[in-house]
N, C-alpha and C. Protein backbone atom coordinates (compact mmCIF):
# COMPACT_ATOMS: atom_id res chain seq x y z
N MET A 1 -21.26 -34.73 85.67
CA MET A 1 -20.38 -33.89 86.46
C MET A 1 -20.10 -34.61 87.78
N ASN A 2 -18.83 -34.88 88.05
CA ASN A 2 -18.46 -35.57 89.28
C ASN A 2 -18.17 -34.55 90.38
N LYS A 3 -19.10 -34.41 91.32
CA LYS A 3 -18.97 -33.44 92.41
C LYS A 3 -17.73 -33.73 93.26
N GLU A 4 -17.34 -34.99 93.34
CA GLU A 4 -16.17 -35.36 94.15
C GLU A 4 -14.90 -34.69 93.63
N TYR A 5 -14.81 -34.48 92.32
CA TYR A 5 -13.63 -33.81 91.75
C TYR A 5 -13.50 -32.37 92.24
N LEU A 6 -14.63 -31.73 92.52
CA LEU A 6 -14.61 -30.33 92.93
C LEU A 6 -14.04 -30.13 94.33
N LYS A 7 -14.31 -31.07 95.21
CA LYS A 7 -13.92 -30.92 96.61
C LYS A 7 -12.41 -30.86 96.75
N GLY A 8 -11.93 -29.87 97.50
CA GLY A 8 -10.50 -29.75 97.74
C GLY A 8 -10.03 -28.33 97.52
N LYS A 9 -8.71 -28.18 97.51
CA LYS A 9 -8.09 -26.86 97.37
C LYS A 9 -7.60 -26.68 95.94
N TRP A 10 -8.02 -25.58 95.32
CA TRP A 10 -7.68 -25.26 93.94
C TRP A 10 -6.92 -23.95 93.89
N VAL A 11 -5.87 -23.91 93.07
CA VAL A 11 -5.00 -22.74 92.94
C VAL A 11 -5.12 -22.20 91.51
N HIS A 12 -5.30 -20.88 91.38
CA HIS A 12 -5.47 -20.26 90.07
C HIS A 12 -4.16 -20.32 89.29
N SER A 13 -4.18 -20.98 88.16
CA SER A 13 -3.04 -21.07 87.26
C SER A 13 -3.26 -20.05 86.13
N PHE A 14 -3.11 -18.77 86.47
CA PHE A 14 -3.47 -17.70 85.54
C PHE A 14 -2.69 -17.75 84.23
N GLU A 15 -1.54 -18.40 84.24
CA GLU A 15 -0.76 -18.53 83.00
C GLU A 15 -1.51 -19.34 81.95
N GLU A 16 -2.44 -20.18 82.39
CA GLU A 16 -3.19 -21.05 81.49
C GLU A 16 -4.55 -20.47 81.10
N ASP A 17 -4.92 -19.34 81.68
CA ASP A 17 -6.21 -18.73 81.36
C ASP A 17 -6.30 -18.45 79.86
N SER A 18 -7.51 -18.54 79.35
CA SER A 18 -7.72 -18.29 77.92
C SER A 18 -9.04 -17.53 77.76
N GLY A 19 -8.95 -16.33 77.23
CA GLY A 19 -10.17 -15.53 77.07
C GLY A 19 -10.82 -15.30 78.42
N ASP A 20 -12.08 -15.70 78.54
CA ASP A 20 -12.79 -15.52 79.81
C ASP A 20 -12.83 -16.79 80.66
N GLU A 21 -12.00 -17.78 80.32
CA GLU A 21 -11.92 -19.01 81.10
C GLU A 21 -10.72 -18.97 82.04
N MET A 22 -10.97 -19.32 83.30
CA MET A 22 -9.92 -19.34 84.33
C MET A 22 -9.58 -20.78 84.66
N VAL A 23 -8.28 -21.06 84.74
CA VAL A 23 -7.81 -22.41 84.99
C VAL A 23 -7.30 -22.51 86.43
N TYR A 24 -7.75 -23.55 87.11
CA TYR A 24 -7.30 -23.86 88.47
C TYR A 24 -6.68 -25.24 88.48
N ARG A 25 -5.67 -25.39 89.32
CA ARG A 25 -4.99 -26.68 89.51
C ARG A 25 -5.08 -27.07 90.98
N PRO A 26 -5.02 -28.37 91.28
CA PRO A 26 -5.09 -28.77 92.68
C PRO A 26 -3.87 -28.28 93.46
N GLU A 27 -4.08 -27.98 94.74
CA GLU A 27 -2.96 -27.58 95.58
C GLU A 27 -1.89 -28.66 95.53
N GLY A 28 -0.65 -28.26 95.41
CA GLY A 28 0.46 -29.20 95.28
C GLY A 28 0.91 -29.40 93.84
N PHE A 29 0.09 -28.96 92.89
CA PHE A 29 0.46 -29.04 91.47
C PHE A 29 1.64 -28.11 91.23
N SER A 30 2.58 -28.52 90.41
CA SER A 30 3.77 -27.71 90.14
C SER A 30 3.42 -26.53 89.24
N LEU A 31 3.43 -25.33 89.84
CA LEU A 31 3.14 -24.10 89.11
C LEU A 31 4.35 -23.18 89.16
N PRO A 32 4.52 -22.30 88.17
CA PRO A 32 5.62 -21.33 88.23
C PRO A 32 5.47 -20.43 89.46
N LEU A 33 6.58 -19.91 89.93
CA LEU A 33 6.55 -18.99 91.06
C LEU A 33 5.75 -17.75 90.69
N ALA A 34 5.02 -17.22 91.65
CA ALA A 34 4.24 -15.99 91.45
C ALA A 34 4.13 -15.28 92.79
N ARG A 35 3.95 -13.99 92.76
CA ARG A 35 3.85 -13.21 94.01
C ARG A 35 2.65 -13.64 94.83
N GLY A 36 1.60 -14.01 94.18
CA GLY A 36 0.40 -14.45 94.88
C GLY A 36 -0.58 -15.06 93.91
N ARG A 37 -1.36 -16.01 94.39
CA ARG A 37 -2.36 -16.67 93.54
C ARG A 37 -3.67 -16.77 94.31
N ASP A 38 -4.75 -16.63 93.58
CA ASP A 38 -6.06 -16.88 94.18
C ASP A 38 -6.18 -18.37 94.45
N LYS A 39 -6.86 -18.69 95.56
CA LYS A 39 -7.08 -20.09 95.92
C LYS A 39 -8.53 -20.26 96.35
N ILE A 40 -9.10 -21.38 95.97
CA ILE A 40 -10.46 -21.73 96.37
C ILE A 40 -10.39 -23.06 97.10
N ASN A 41 -10.91 -23.10 98.32
CA ASN A 41 -11.00 -24.34 99.07
C ASN A 41 -12.48 -24.71 99.18
N LEU A 42 -12.86 -25.75 98.44
CA LEU A 42 -14.24 -26.24 98.45
C LEU A 42 -14.29 -27.43 99.39
N GLU A 43 -14.73 -27.19 100.61
CA GLU A 43 -14.73 -28.24 101.63
C GLU A 43 -15.89 -29.20 101.43
N GLU A 44 -15.70 -30.41 101.92
CA GLU A 44 -16.67 -31.48 101.72
C GLU A 44 -18.06 -31.14 102.28
N ASP A 45 -18.10 -30.38 103.37
CA ASP A 45 -19.38 -30.05 104.01
C ASP A 45 -20.07 -28.84 103.39
N GLY A 46 -19.55 -28.35 102.26
CA GLY A 46 -20.17 -27.22 101.58
C GLY A 46 -19.62 -25.87 101.99
N LYS A 47 -18.65 -25.88 102.90
CA LYS A 47 -18.03 -24.61 103.30
C LYS A 47 -17.01 -24.19 102.25
N LEU A 48 -16.79 -22.88 102.19
CA LEU A 48 -15.90 -22.28 101.21
C LEU A 48 -14.91 -21.36 101.91
N VAL A 49 -13.63 -21.48 101.55
CA VAL A 49 -12.62 -20.52 101.96
C VAL A 49 -11.91 -20.07 100.70
N ASN A 50 -12.00 -18.78 100.41
CA ASN A 50 -11.38 -18.20 99.22
C ASN A 50 -10.25 -17.28 99.68
N SER A 51 -9.06 -17.44 99.13
CA SER A 51 -7.97 -16.54 99.49
C SER A 51 -7.43 -15.87 98.24
N HIS A 52 -6.97 -14.65 98.42
CA HIS A 52 -6.39 -13.89 97.32
C HIS A 52 -5.33 -12.97 97.89
N PRO A 53 -4.31 -12.64 97.09
CA PRO A 53 -3.24 -11.79 97.60
C PRO A 53 -3.73 -10.36 97.85
N GLY A 54 -3.34 -9.82 99.00
CA GLY A 54 -3.66 -8.43 99.31
C GLY A 54 -2.61 -7.50 98.74
N ARG A 55 -2.82 -6.21 98.93
CA ARG A 55 -1.87 -5.22 98.40
C ARG A 55 -0.48 -5.39 99.00
N ASP A 56 -0.41 -5.87 100.23
CA ASP A 56 0.88 -6.06 100.90
C ASP A 56 1.38 -7.50 100.77
N ASP A 57 0.82 -8.24 99.83
CA ASP A 57 1.16 -9.65 99.56
C ASP A 57 0.74 -10.60 100.67
N VAL A 58 0.04 -10.11 101.68
CA VAL A 58 -0.50 -10.98 102.72
C VAL A 58 -1.86 -11.48 102.23
N PRO A 59 -2.08 -12.80 102.29
CA PRO A 59 -3.36 -13.34 101.80
C PRO A 59 -4.56 -12.76 102.56
N ARG A 60 -5.63 -12.52 101.82
CA ARG A 60 -6.91 -12.09 102.37
C ARG A 60 -7.88 -13.27 102.20
N TYR A 61 -8.71 -13.48 103.19
CA TYR A 61 -9.61 -14.63 103.18
C TYR A 61 -11.06 -14.20 103.19
N ASP A 62 -11.86 -14.89 102.40
CA ASP A 62 -13.31 -14.74 102.40
C ASP A 62 -13.90 -16.13 102.64
N THR A 63 -14.91 -16.21 103.47
CA THR A 63 -15.54 -17.49 103.76
C THR A 63 -16.99 -17.47 103.30
N GLY A 64 -17.55 -18.65 103.19
CA GLY A 64 -18.93 -18.76 102.77
C GLY A 64 -19.29 -20.21 102.53
N SER A 65 -20.10 -20.43 101.50
CA SER A 65 -20.52 -21.78 101.15
C SER A 65 -20.51 -21.94 99.63
N TRP A 66 -20.53 -23.19 99.19
CA TRP A 66 -20.55 -23.47 97.77
C TRP A 66 -21.57 -24.56 97.48
N GLN A 67 -22.05 -24.56 96.25
CA GLN A 67 -22.93 -25.64 95.82
C GLN A 67 -22.80 -25.83 94.31
N LEU A 68 -23.17 -27.00 93.88
CA LEU A 68 -23.14 -27.35 92.47
C LEU A 68 -24.57 -27.51 91.98
N GLU A 69 -24.93 -26.81 90.91
CA GLU A 69 -26.23 -26.95 90.27
C GLU A 69 -25.98 -27.24 88.80
N GLN A 70 -26.14 -28.49 88.42
CA GLN A 70 -25.83 -28.98 87.08
C GLN A 70 -24.38 -28.65 86.75
N ASP A 71 -24.14 -27.75 85.77
CA ASP A 71 -22.75 -27.41 85.43
C ASP A 71 -22.35 -26.05 86.00
N LYS A 72 -23.06 -25.58 87.02
CA LYS A 72 -22.79 -24.27 87.63
C LYS A 72 -22.21 -24.45 89.04
N LEU A 73 -21.12 -23.74 89.29
CA LEU A 73 -20.54 -23.68 90.63
C LEU A 73 -20.95 -22.34 91.22
N ILE A 74 -21.64 -22.39 92.34
CA ILE A 74 -22.14 -21.17 92.98
C ILE A 74 -21.40 -20.96 94.29
N LEU A 75 -20.78 -19.79 94.42
CA LEU A 75 -20.05 -19.42 95.64
C LEU A 75 -20.84 -18.32 96.33
N ARG A 76 -21.20 -18.57 97.58
CA ARG A 76 -21.91 -17.56 98.39
C ARG A 76 -21.00 -17.17 99.54
N PHE A 77 -20.65 -15.90 99.59
CA PHE A 77 -19.75 -15.41 100.63
C PHE A 77 -20.54 -14.86 101.81
N ASP A 78 -19.93 -14.92 102.99
CA ASP A 78 -20.57 -14.41 104.20
C ASP A 78 -20.88 -12.92 104.10
N THR A 79 -20.23 -12.22 103.19
CA THR A 79 -20.47 -10.78 102.98
C THR A 79 -21.69 -10.53 102.10
N ASP A 80 -22.46 -11.57 101.80
CA ASP A 80 -23.65 -11.51 100.95
C ASP A 80 -23.32 -11.39 99.47
N ASN A 81 -22.06 -11.50 99.11
CA ASN A 81 -21.70 -11.54 97.69
C ASN A 81 -21.93 -12.95 97.16
N LYS A 82 -22.28 -13.03 95.90
CA LYS A 82 -22.51 -14.32 95.25
C LYS A 82 -21.82 -14.30 93.90
N GLU A 83 -21.11 -15.37 93.58
CA GLU A 83 -20.47 -15.52 92.28
C GLU A 83 -20.92 -16.84 91.69
N GLN A 84 -21.16 -16.84 90.39
CA GLN A 84 -21.58 -18.06 89.71
C GLN A 84 -20.67 -18.31 88.51
N TYR A 85 -20.26 -19.56 88.36
CA TYR A 85 -19.35 -19.96 87.30
C TYR A 85 -19.91 -21.16 86.55
N THR A 86 -19.67 -21.18 85.25
CA THR A 86 -19.92 -22.39 84.47
C THR A 86 -18.66 -23.23 84.52
N ILE A 87 -18.83 -24.51 84.81
CA ILE A 87 -17.69 -25.42 84.82
C ILE A 87 -17.49 -25.91 83.39
N CYS A 88 -16.40 -25.47 82.78
CA CYS A 88 -16.09 -25.83 81.39
C CYS A 88 -15.37 -27.16 81.30
N GLU A 89 -14.58 -27.47 82.33
CA GLU A 89 -13.79 -28.71 82.35
C GLU A 89 -13.48 -29.05 83.80
N ILE A 90 -13.54 -30.33 84.13
CA ILE A 90 -13.22 -30.76 85.49
C ILE A 90 -12.58 -32.14 85.44
N SER A 91 -11.47 -32.28 86.16
CA SER A 91 -10.82 -33.57 86.36
C SER A 91 -10.08 -33.47 87.69
N THR A 92 -9.37 -34.49 88.06
CA THR A 92 -8.61 -34.43 89.31
C THR A 92 -7.43 -33.48 89.20
N GLU A 93 -7.03 -33.12 87.98
CA GLU A 93 -5.85 -32.28 87.76
C GLU A 93 -6.15 -30.88 87.22
N LYS A 94 -7.42 -30.62 86.89
CA LYS A 94 -7.71 -29.33 86.24
C LYS A 94 -9.17 -28.95 86.44
N LEU A 95 -9.37 -27.67 86.75
CA LEU A 95 -10.72 -27.10 86.85
C LEU A 95 -10.73 -25.82 86.02
N VAL A 96 -11.63 -25.77 85.04
CA VAL A 96 -11.73 -24.59 84.18
C VAL A 96 -13.11 -23.96 84.42
N LEU A 97 -13.09 -22.68 84.81
CA LEU A 97 -14.32 -21.96 85.14
C LEU A 97 -14.50 -20.74 84.24
N LYS A 98 -15.76 -20.44 83.96
CA LYS A 98 -16.11 -19.22 83.23
C LYS A 98 -17.11 -18.47 84.10
N ARG A 99 -16.75 -17.25 84.48
CA ARG A 99 -17.61 -16.47 85.38
C ARG A 99 -18.86 -16.00 84.64
N GLU A 100 -20.01 -16.19 85.28
CA GLU A 100 -21.28 -15.71 84.74
C GLU A 100 -21.41 -14.24 85.08
N VAL A 101 -21.96 -13.49 84.17
CA VAL A 101 -22.12 -12.05 84.39
C VAL A 101 -23.51 -11.75 84.92
């Protein structure tokens, strides 16, 4: 698993989702127009900025930290929420995650 591939801004390409797998593309990737998309910014220093569209289409932001443990991406938010994902696929052009329950 190349941790360097994870670092950066990822945009949810929900059109490509399959079953319980979510597909993300790097910021700047050509995606169809949408009212709003979830975005994950995995900063080099371990900081996390997560944005998602609000009810009024204004982005809402959550901050926290992220870490990689083997094939697991762990997001810890400042609100004490924690999300864990299995990384199903990773490259410079595509990130596929499966949320752990």
